[in-house]
Amino acid sequence: MNEILIARALSEGRYEWVHISGKIISVYPENGDIGALTAAAGPRPVTLIMDGRDVHVLEVSIPAKSYRQAKQAAPFAIEDDVADDLEKLHVVCSRSETSGKRAVAVIGRQLIEENIEVLRTANINIEKIIPDFLALPRRDDCWSVMQLDDRVLVRTGEEYGFSCDGELLATLLERLELESPLGIDIYGMAVPIPLPNLPPIQQHRVEGAEMVFLAATVMSSNLLDVLPDRYRAVAHFGKQGLKITTIFLVLALILHLGLSWRTSQRLSSEVARLRSDESTLLKQSFPEISRVVNAELQAQQVLTELRAHRGNDSGVLEILHLVGQSMRNGTNQGLELSGINYADGVVNLRITASDIASLERFSGALKSSLQVDVVNVEAGQGNVVGSLRLQALAGGKT
């Protein structure tokens, strides 16, 4: 039977939590410091309900065919809607979309990582982090409102909502008048004096502890999870040490016997991938090219033609050509082009590499012909993702 803990931070380093066993939730929450939470959780995964005042959820139009593409595009889609630098923000994209729009949660990167490190240092396996306002139950096209401690939680949709300080309730009521949901469900607090244009209000009692009430929604719903991917908890396999050891020995034997075959397949796959990347890059840059036979030759032909007609604008093609040459270089194996855009003479690349050294070799190879700035490097699971800004050297030569 699956067992988890659902917890939330209180004040002064204390936490409150409830136990979940299968579909059964404990009636009485517990509370204590981080040590008590560690002892209560043991090896079980923990879902953290986060203060929603630190989470900003936007509805964003992201033209993507898959969740993976939407996830990569989300930071750039909200760039004009946030004041901070993207490097300082943790951005999460919802898996579901409606009419091309997705919920995108934005949190200060330093804030969420500090909160996570406190739990990880205490050997707590974090499974999910859910904004507190999404822990409220909801009806279609209605808003849910609840006061929790010194703040008011407001859920406005399946993956949308916000939290605000309690004294801002009057401002909240004015917003309700403007946005006009079909109804308002108020949980565990007095019904405010209705304004003339407020929608119908239904008041609901909260039976038992507020933490139990919130945990019931969290455990029964697939909610927007803002936990960064690299912190995902490893599944707990139990204490069957001998069985696990045997499995690992078998896997190691299979790996040893298949090493030569894997190496050959990997090299063949790399060659095919690089050729595919060349074709993809050419098609993305020049949609009018419907069929790619020889990417390098066709790129040279297009480059020659554009040089004759558009003068200095062909600089971007030279940059792309140099990038393609460098990625085909034998010393730059294991690179993957995961994003590209161009504006005002600058090409921005997102490159996935097996390690930082590979990324540095790639950028170093380009520096003899281009101005290369490494904007950002993020560590993933077994790889790194670098953001590079490329432009022609001073004087206009590449």
Protein backbone atom coordinates (compact mmCIF):
# COMPACT_ATOMS: atom_id res chain seq x y z
CA MET A 1 0.00 0.00 0.00
CA ASN A 2 1.41 3.40 -1.00
CA GLU A 3 2.19 5.63 1.96
CA ILE A 4 3.11 9.30 1.73
CA LEU A 5 3.20 12.43 3.89
CA ILE A 6 1.65 15.75 2.94
CA ALA A 7 3.30 18.64 4.77
CA ARG A 8 3.41 22.42 4.87
CA ALA A 9 5.78 24.88 6.50
CA LEU A 10 4.55 26.89 9.47
CA SER A 11 6.57 29.66 11.10
CA GLU A 12 9.96 29.55 12.85
CA GLY A 13 11.17 26.33 11.22
CA ARG A 14 8.14 24.22 12.18
CA TYR A 15 6.03 22.00 9.93
CA GLU A 16 2.57 20.44 9.94
CA TRP A 17 1.81 17.14 8.24
CA VAL A 18 -0.68 14.32 7.77
CA HIS A 19 -0.16 10.66 6.87
CA ILE A 20 -1.74 9.14 3.76
CA SER A 21 -2.03 5.36 3.42
CA GLY A 22 -3.61 4.32 0.14
CA LYS A 23 -6.83 6.33 0.05
CA ILE A 24 -6.99 6.72 3.83
CA ILE A 25 -5.96 10.03 5.38
CA SER A 26 -5.17 10.49 9.07
CA VAL A 27 -7.77 12.57 10.90
CA TYR A 28 -5.34 14.42 13.16
CA PRO A 29 -2.36 16.34 11.75
CA GLU A 30 0.98 16.36 13.54
CA ASN A 31 3.47 19.20 13.84
CA GLY A 32 7.05 19.72 14.89
CA ASP A 33 10.48 20.82 13.74
CA ILE A 34 12.41 19.44 10.77
CA GLY A 35 13.77 16.57 12.87
CA ALA A 36 10.27 15.45 13.82
CA LEU A 37 9.19 15.63 10.17
CA THR A 38 12.16 13.48 9.15
CA ALA A 39 11.29 10.86 11.77
CA ALA A 40 7.63 10.85 10.73
CA ALA A 41 8.40 10.54 7.02
CA GLY A 42 11.13 7.90 7.20
CA PRO A 43 11.62 6.52 3.67
CA ARG A 44 8.16 7.66 2.52
CA PRO A 45 7.94 10.43 -0.11
CA VAL A 46 6.69 13.84 0.99
CA THR A 47 4.39 16.23 -0.89
CA LEU A 48 4.98 19.83 0.23
CA ILE A 49 2.16 22.40 0.15
CA MET A 50 3.95 25.68 -0.61
CA ASP A 51 2.94 29.22 0.38
CA GLY A 52 1.13 30.45 -2.74
CA ARG A 53 2.20 34.05 -2.18
CA ASP A 54 5.56 33.03 -3.64
CA VAL A 55 4.00 31.49 -6.78
CA HIS A 56 2.72 33.46 -9.78
CA VAL A 57 0.64 31.45 -12.29
CA LEU A 58 0.15 32.85 -15.79
CA GLU A 59 -2.04 31.67 -18.65
CA VAL A 60 0.29 31.58 -21.64
CA SER A 61 -0.18 30.71 -25.31
CA ILE A 62 2.57 28.22 -26.25
CA PRO A 63 2.44 26.81 -29.79
CA ALA A 64 3.97 23.40 -29.10
CA LYS A 65 3.04 19.89 -30.21
CA SER A 66 4.27 18.14 -27.07
CA TYR A 67 4.79 18.78 -23.37
CA ARG A 68 8.55 18.57 -23.84
CA GLN A 69 8.48 21.35 -26.46
CA ALA A 70 6.16 23.47 -24.31
CA LYS A 71 8.41 22.98 -21.30
CA GLN A 72 11.43 24.25 -23.26
CA ALA A 73 9.52 27.21 -24.71
CA ALA A 74 7.76 28.31 -21.50
CA PRO A 75 10.57 30.56 -20.12
CA PHE A 76 10.77 32.48 -23.39
CA ALA A 77 6.97 32.75 -23.62
CA ILE A 78 6.73 34.62 -20.29
CA GLU A 79 9.85 36.76 -20.75
CA ASP A 80 7.82 39.93 -21.45
CA ASP A 81 5.48 39.30 -18.50
CA VAL A 82 8.06 39.14 -15.70
CA ALA A 83 10.37 41.80 -14.32
CA ASP A 84 13.23 39.56 -13.15
CA ASP A 85 15.88 37.93 -15.32
CA LEU A 86 14.87 34.45 -16.47
CA GLU A 87 18.06 33.06 -14.92
CA LYS A 88 16.69 34.05 -11.48
CA LEU A 89 13.33 32.33 -12.01
CA HIS A 90 12.13 28.74 -11.81
CA VAL A 91 9.49 28.25 -14.53
CA VAL A 92 7.09 25.27 -14.65
CA CYS A 93 4.70 24.48 -17.49
CA SER A 94 1.51 22.46 -17.02
CA ARG A 95 1.18 19.15 -18.87
CA SER A 96 -2.37 19.88 -20.01
CA GLU A 97 -3.34 22.59 -22.48
CA THR A 98 -6.61 24.20 -23.55
CA SER A 99 -6.88 25.89 -26.94
CA GLY A 100 -3.11 26.18 -27.15
CA LYS A 101 -2.81 27.79 -23.71
CA ARG A 102 -1.05 26.36 -20.68
CA ALA A 103 -0.62 27.32 -17.04
CA VAL A 104 2.93 28.51 -16.35
CA ALA A 105 4.05 28.88 -12.72
CA VAL A 106 6.89 31.32 -11.92
CA ILE A 107 8.86 31.18 -8.65
CA GLY A 108 12.10 32.77 -7.49
CA ARG A 109 14.79 30.15 -8.16
CA GLN A 110 16.77 30.93 -5.01
CA LEU A 111 13.67 30.79 -2.80
CA ILE A 112 12.46 27.37 -3.92
CA GLU A 113 15.95 25.86 -3.91
CA GLU A 114 16.60 27.10 -0.35
CA ASN A 115 13.31 25.53 0.80
CA ILE A 116 14.16 22.26 -0.93
CA GLU A 117 17.70 22.10 0.45
CA VAL A 118 16.39 22.37 4.03
CA LEU A 119 14.34 19.20 3.43
CA ARG A 120 17.02 17.37 1.45
CA THR A 121 19.63 18.10 4.12
CA ALA A 122 17.27 16.39 6.58
CA ASN A 123 17.12 13.31 4.27
CA ILE A 124 13.49 13.92 3.28
CA ASN A 125 12.43 12.58 -0.13
CA ILE A 126 10.40 15.30 -1.85
CA GLU A 127 7.90 13.90 -4.34
CA LYS A 128 5.89 17.03 -5.23
CA ILE A 129 5.51 20.71 -4.38
CA ILE A 130 1.96 22.08 -4.78
CA PRO A 131 0.97 25.78 -4.37
CA ASP A 132 -1.45 26.06 -1.44
CA PHE A 133 -4.28 27.65 -3.45
CA LEU A 134 -4.50 24.55 -5.68
CA ALA A 135 -5.23 22.46 -2.56
CA LEU A 136 -8.74 23.92 -2.44
CA PRO A 137 -11.62 21.93 -3.99
CA ARG A 138 -13.34 23.61 -6.94
CA ARG A 139 -16.45 23.64 -9.07
CA ASP A 140 -16.36 24.39 -12.79
CA ASP A 141 -16.26 28.13 -13.55
CA CYS A 142 -16.37 29.00 -9.84
CA TRP A 143 -13.78 30.43 -7.50
CA SER A 144 -12.84 28.80 -4.18
CA VAL A 145 -11.74 30.99 -1.25
CA MET A 146 -10.32 30.04 2.15
CA GLN A 147 -8.41 31.85 4.88
CA LEU A 148 -5.33 29.95 6.10
CA ASP A 149 -3.23 31.47 8.89
CA ASP A 150 -2.54 35.09 7.84
CA ARG A 151 -3.34 34.69 4.16
CA VAL A 152 -6.28 34.09 1.82
CA LEU A 153 -6.12 31.27 -0.73
CA VAL A 154 -8.03 31.68 -4.00
CA ARG A 155 -8.37 28.96 -6.63
CA THR A 156 -9.68 30.36 -9.91
CA GLY A 157 -9.33 27.32 -12.21
CA GLU A 158 -8.01 23.80 -12.64
CA GLU A 159 -4.39 24.97 -12.46
CA TYR A 160 -4.82 28.65 -11.66
CA GLY A 161 -5.12 30.76 -8.54
CA PHE A 162 -3.20 32.91 -6.09
CA SER A 163 -2.67 33.63 -2.40
CA CYS A 164 -2.55 37.05 -0.79
CA ASP A 165 -2.25 38.63 2.63
CA GLY A 166 -5.49 38.63 4.60
CA GLU A 167 -5.78 42.42 4.65
CA LEU A 168 -6.05 42.39 0.85
CA LEU A 169 -9.46 40.68 0.96
CA ALA A 170 -11.26 43.88 -0.04
CA THR A 171 -9.09 44.15 -3.15
CA LEU A 172 -9.88 40.50 -3.88
CA LEU A 173 -13.62 41.21 -3.77
CA GLU A 174 -13.19 44.04 -6.27
CA ARG A 175 -11.34 41.63 -8.59
CA LEU A 176 -14.19 39.15 -8.27
CA GLU A 177 -16.60 41.84 -9.47
CA LEU A 178 -14.42 42.44 -12.54
CA GLU A 179 -13.78 38.81 -13.53
CA SER A 180 -17.31 37.56 -12.74
CA PRO A 181 -17.01 33.84 -12.01
CA LEU A 182 -20.33 31.96 -11.94
CA GLY A 183 -20.08 31.47 -8.20
CA ILE A 184 -17.87 31.71 -5.11
CA ASP A 185 -17.30 28.85 -2.66
CA ILE A 186 -16.02 30.11 0.69
CA TYR A 187 -14.55 27.55 3.07
CA GLY A 188 -14.23 27.93 6.82
CA MET A 189 -14.49 31.71 7.06
CA ALA A 190 -17.22 34.30 7.51
CA VAL A 191 -19.02 35.42 4.36
CA PRO A 192 -17.85 38.98 3.62
CA ILE A 193 -20.36 41.76 3.12
CA PRO A 194 -21.42 41.20 -0.51
CA LEU A 195 -20.76 43.88 -3.07
CA PRO A 196 -23.58 44.73 -5.50
CA ASN A 197 -22.16 42.81 -8.44
CA LEU A 198 -20.71 39.77 -6.67
CA PRO A 199 -21.75 36.35 -8.04
CA PRO A 200 -23.69 33.91 -5.79
CA ILE A 201 -21.78 32.86 -2.66
CA GLN A 202 -21.93 29.44 -1.03
CA GLN A 203 -20.42 28.99 2.40
CA HIS A 204 -18.95 25.61 3.39
CA ARG A 205 -17.83 24.35 6.78
CA VAL A 206 -14.41 22.83 7.11
CA GLU A 207 -14.86 19.66 9.10
CA GLY A 208 -11.80 18.89 11.17
CA ALA A 209 -8.32 20.36 10.76
CA GLU A 210 -7.52 22.68 7.84
CA MET A 211 -4.42 20.62 6.98
CA VAL A 212 -6.54 17.47 6.59
CA PHE A 213 -8.99 19.41 4.40
CA LEU A 214 -6.18 20.61 2.08
CA ALA A 215 -4.48 17.21 1.98
CA ALA A 216 -7.70 15.54 0.82
CA THR A 217 -7.67 17.62 -2.39
CA VAL A 218 -3.94 17.15 -2.94
CA MET A 219 -4.09 13.35 -2.72
CA SER A 220 -7.16 13.04 -4.98
CA SER A 221 -6.14 15.42 -7.80
CA ASN A 222 -3.41 15.69 -10.42
CA LEU A 223 -2.26 19.23 -9.63
CA LEU A 224 0.39 21.56 -11.06
CA ASP A 225 3.65 20.37 -9.50
CA VAL A 226 6.40 23.03 -9.21
CA LEU A 227 9.19 20.75 -7.97
CA PRO A 228 12.29 21.14 -10.22
CA ASP A 229 13.02 17.97 -12.18
CA ARG A 230 16.48 17.45 -10.74
CA TYR A 231 15.04 17.10 -7.22
CA ARG A 232 12.61 14.31 -8.00
CA ALA A 233 12.65 11.72 -5.25
CA VAL A 234 13.95 8.28 -6.10
CA ALA A 235 11.29 5.61 -5.71
CA HIS A 236 11.62 3.60 -2.53
CA PHE A 237 12.13 -0.08 -3.18
CA GLY A 238 11.87 -1.39 0.36
CA LYS A 239 14.38 -3.47 2.29
CA GLN A 240 14.79 -6.44 -0.02
CA GLY A 241 18.56 -5.90 -0.21
CA LEU A 242 19.45 -9.29 -1.64
CA LYS A 243 16.92 -9.04 -4.44
CA ILE A 244 18.09 -5.56 -5.40
CA THR A 245 21.75 -6.65 -5.34
CA THR A 246 20.95 -9.58 -7.63
CA ILE A 247 19.16 -7.30 -10.06
CA PHE A 248 22.11 -4.93 -10.22
CA LEU A 249 24.55 -7.83 -10.77
CA VAL A 250 22.46 -9.11 -13.68
CA LEU A 251 22.25 -5.63 -15.17
CA ALA A 252 26.02 -5.19 -14.82
CA LEU A 253 26.61 -8.50 -16.61
CA ILE A 254 24.29 -7.55 -19.46
CA LEU A 255 26.02 -4.19 -19.73
CA HIS A 256 29.46 -5.83 -19.85
CA LEU A 257 28.49 -8.37 -22.53
CA GLY A 258 26.82 -5.76 -24.70
CA LEU A 259 29.42 -3.00 -24.39
CA SER A 260 30.99 -3.43 -27.83
CA TRP A 261 27.64 -3.65 -29.56
CA ARG A 262 26.38 -0.59 -27.72
CA THR A 263 29.45 1.42 -28.66
CA SER A 264 29.00 0.60 -32.32
CA GLN A 265 25.30 1.45 -32.20
CA ARG A 266 25.96 4.70 -30.37
CA LEU A 267 28.49 5.86 -32.94
CA SER A 268 26.15 5.00 -35.79
CA SER A 269 23.33 6.79 -34.03
CA GLU A 270 25.50 9.87 -33.46
CA VAL A 271 26.35 10.07 -37.16
CA ALA A 272 22.67 9.75 -38.09
CA ARG A 273 21.66 12.32 -35.47
CA LEU A 274 24.21 14.85 -36.66
CA ARG A 275 23.00 14.45 -40.22
CA SER A 276 19.42 14.82 -39.04
CA ASP A 277 20.36 17.93 -37.03
CA GLU A 278 21.89 19.48 -40.14
CA SER A 279 18.73 18.83 -42.14
CA THR A 280 16.47 20.05 -39.32
CA LEU A 281 18.50 23.22 -38.86
CA LEU A 282 18.39 23.94 -42.59
CA LYS A 283 14.61 23.38 -42.78
CA GLN A 284 13.98 25.52 -39.71
CA SER A 285 16.04 28.36 -41.14
CA PHE A 286 14.60 28.06 -44.67
CA PRO A 287 11.05 26.61 -44.63
CA GLU A 288 10.87 26.90 -48.41
CA ILE A 289 13.33 23.98 -48.68
CA SER A 290 11.03 20.95 -48.70
CA ARG A 291 13.62 18.24 -49.33
CA VAL A 292 17.19 18.05 -48.04
CA VAL A 293 19.58 15.79 -49.96
CA ASN A 294 22.96 17.29 -49.07
CA ALA A 295 22.56 19.77 -46.20
CA GLU A 296 26.03 21.29 -46.48
CA LEU A 297 25.85 21.79 -50.26
CA GLN A 298 22.31 23.22 -50.12
CA ALA A 299 23.27 25.58 -47.28
CA GLN A 300 26.22 26.84 -49.34
CA GLN A 301 23.92 27.43 -52.32
CA VAL A 302 21.39 29.37 -50.24
CA LEU A 303 24.22 31.32 -48.59
CA THR A 304 25.63 32.33 -51.96
CA GLU A 305 22.21 33.40 -53.20
CA LEU A 306 21.42 35.48 -50.10
CA ARG A 307 24.83 37.13 -50.16
CA ALA A 308 24.08 38.33 -53.67
CA HIS A 309 20.68 39.76 -52.75
CA ARG A 310 20.74 40.75 -49.09
CA GLY A 311 24.27 41.84 -48.26
CA ASN A 312 25.04 41.89 -44.56
CA ASP A 313 21.87 39.97 -43.57
CA SER A 314 23.58 36.77 -44.66
CA GLY A 315 25.76 36.93 -41.54
CA VAL A 316 23.31 34.69 -39.69
CA LEU A 317 23.73 32.00 -42.34
CA GLU A 318 27.48 32.06 -41.92
CA ILE A 319 27.01 31.68 -38.17
CA LEU A 320 24.67 28.70 -38.66
CA HIS A 321 27.10 27.17 -41.14
CA LEU A 322 29.96 27.45 -38.62
CA VAL A 323 27.76 25.90 -35.92
CA GLY A 324 26.97 22.95 -38.19
CA GLN A 325 30.64 22.43 -39.02
CA SER A 326 31.62 22.50 -35.34
CA MET A 327 28.90 19.99 -34.37
CA ARG A 328 30.17 17.59 -37.05
CA ASN A 329 33.69 17.82 -35.64
CA GLY A 330 34.78 14.49 -34.16
CA THR A 331 35.81 16.13 -30.88
CA ASN A 332 32.30 17.48 -30.35
CA GLN A 333 30.38 14.20 -30.08
CA GLY A 334 27.44 13.98 -27.68
CA LEU A 335 26.04 17.46 -28.42
CA GLU A 336 22.36 18.09 -29.12
CA LEU A 337 20.85 21.29 -30.47
CA SER A 338 17.72 21.81 -28.33
CA GLY A 339 16.79 25.41 -29.18
CA ILE A 340 17.63 28.25 -31.56
CA ASN A 341 16.44 31.76 -32.35
CA TYR A 342 17.77 34.81 -34.19
CA ALA A 343 17.24 38.54 -33.72
CA ASP A 344 19.22 41.69 -34.57
CA GLY A 345 22.30 39.85 -35.76
CA VAL A 346 22.49 37.56 -32.71
CA VAL A 347 21.92 33.80 -32.77
CA ASN A 348 20.89 32.25 -29.44
CA LEU A 349 21.51 28.51 -29.06
CA ARG A 350 20.54 25.97 -26.40
CA ILE A 351 23.01 23.07 -26.49
CA THR A 352 22.67 19.85 -24.48
CA ALA A 353 26.05 18.23 -23.74
CA SER A 354 27.20 15.24 -21.76
CA ASP A 355 29.36 17.42 -19.51
CA ILE A 356 30.72 20.96 -19.10
CA ALA A 357 34.01 20.05 -20.79
CA SER A 358 32.17 19.10 -24.02
CA LEU A 359 30.27 22.40 -23.94
CA GLU A 360 33.51 24.34 -23.41
CA ARG A 361 35.20 22.53 -26.34
CA PHE A 362 32.27 23.42 -28.58
CA SER A 363 32.22 27.11 -27.58
CA GLY A 364 36.02 27.28 -27.78
CA ALA A 365 36.00 25.93 -31.34
CA LEU A 366 33.58 28.70 -32.39
CA LYS A 367 35.54 31.54 -30.75
CA SER A 368 38.14 31.58 -33.52
CA SER A 369 35.43 32.69 -35.97
CA LEU A 370 32.64 34.22 -33.86
CA GLN A 371 32.00 36.24 -30.76
CA VAL A 372 30.71 33.61 -28.31
CA ASP A 373 29.12 34.39 -24.93
CA VAL A 374 28.06 31.56 -22.60
CA VAL A 375 24.94 33.08 -21.03
CA ASN A 376 23.91 30.25 -18.73
CA VAL A 377 24.74 26.63 -17.87
CA GLU A 378 22.29 24.35 -16.07
CA ALA A 379 23.10 20.91 -14.71
CA GLY A 380 20.59 18.17 -15.50
CA GLN A 381 20.46 14.42 -14.84
CA GLY A 382 23.59 13.14 -16.55
CA ASN A 383 23.99 16.20 -18.81
CA VAL A 384 24.31 19.98 -18.92
CA VAL A 385 22.32 22.53 -20.92
CA GLY A 386 24.10 25.68 -22.04
CA SER A 387 22.68 28.91 -23.49
CA LEU A 388 25.11 30.51 -25.98
CA ARG A 389 24.89 33.88 -27.71
CA LEU A 390 26.68 34.03 -31.08
CA GLN A 391 27.40 37.00 -33.32
CA ALA A 392 29.92 38.06 -35.92
CA LEU A 393 33.30 39.31 -34.76
CA ALA A 394 33.91 43.07 -34.71
CA GLY A 395 34.50 44.25 -38.26
CA GLY A 396 31.77 41.99 -39.64
CA LYS A 397 33.95 38.94 -40.38
CA THR A 398 33.01 35.44 -39.30
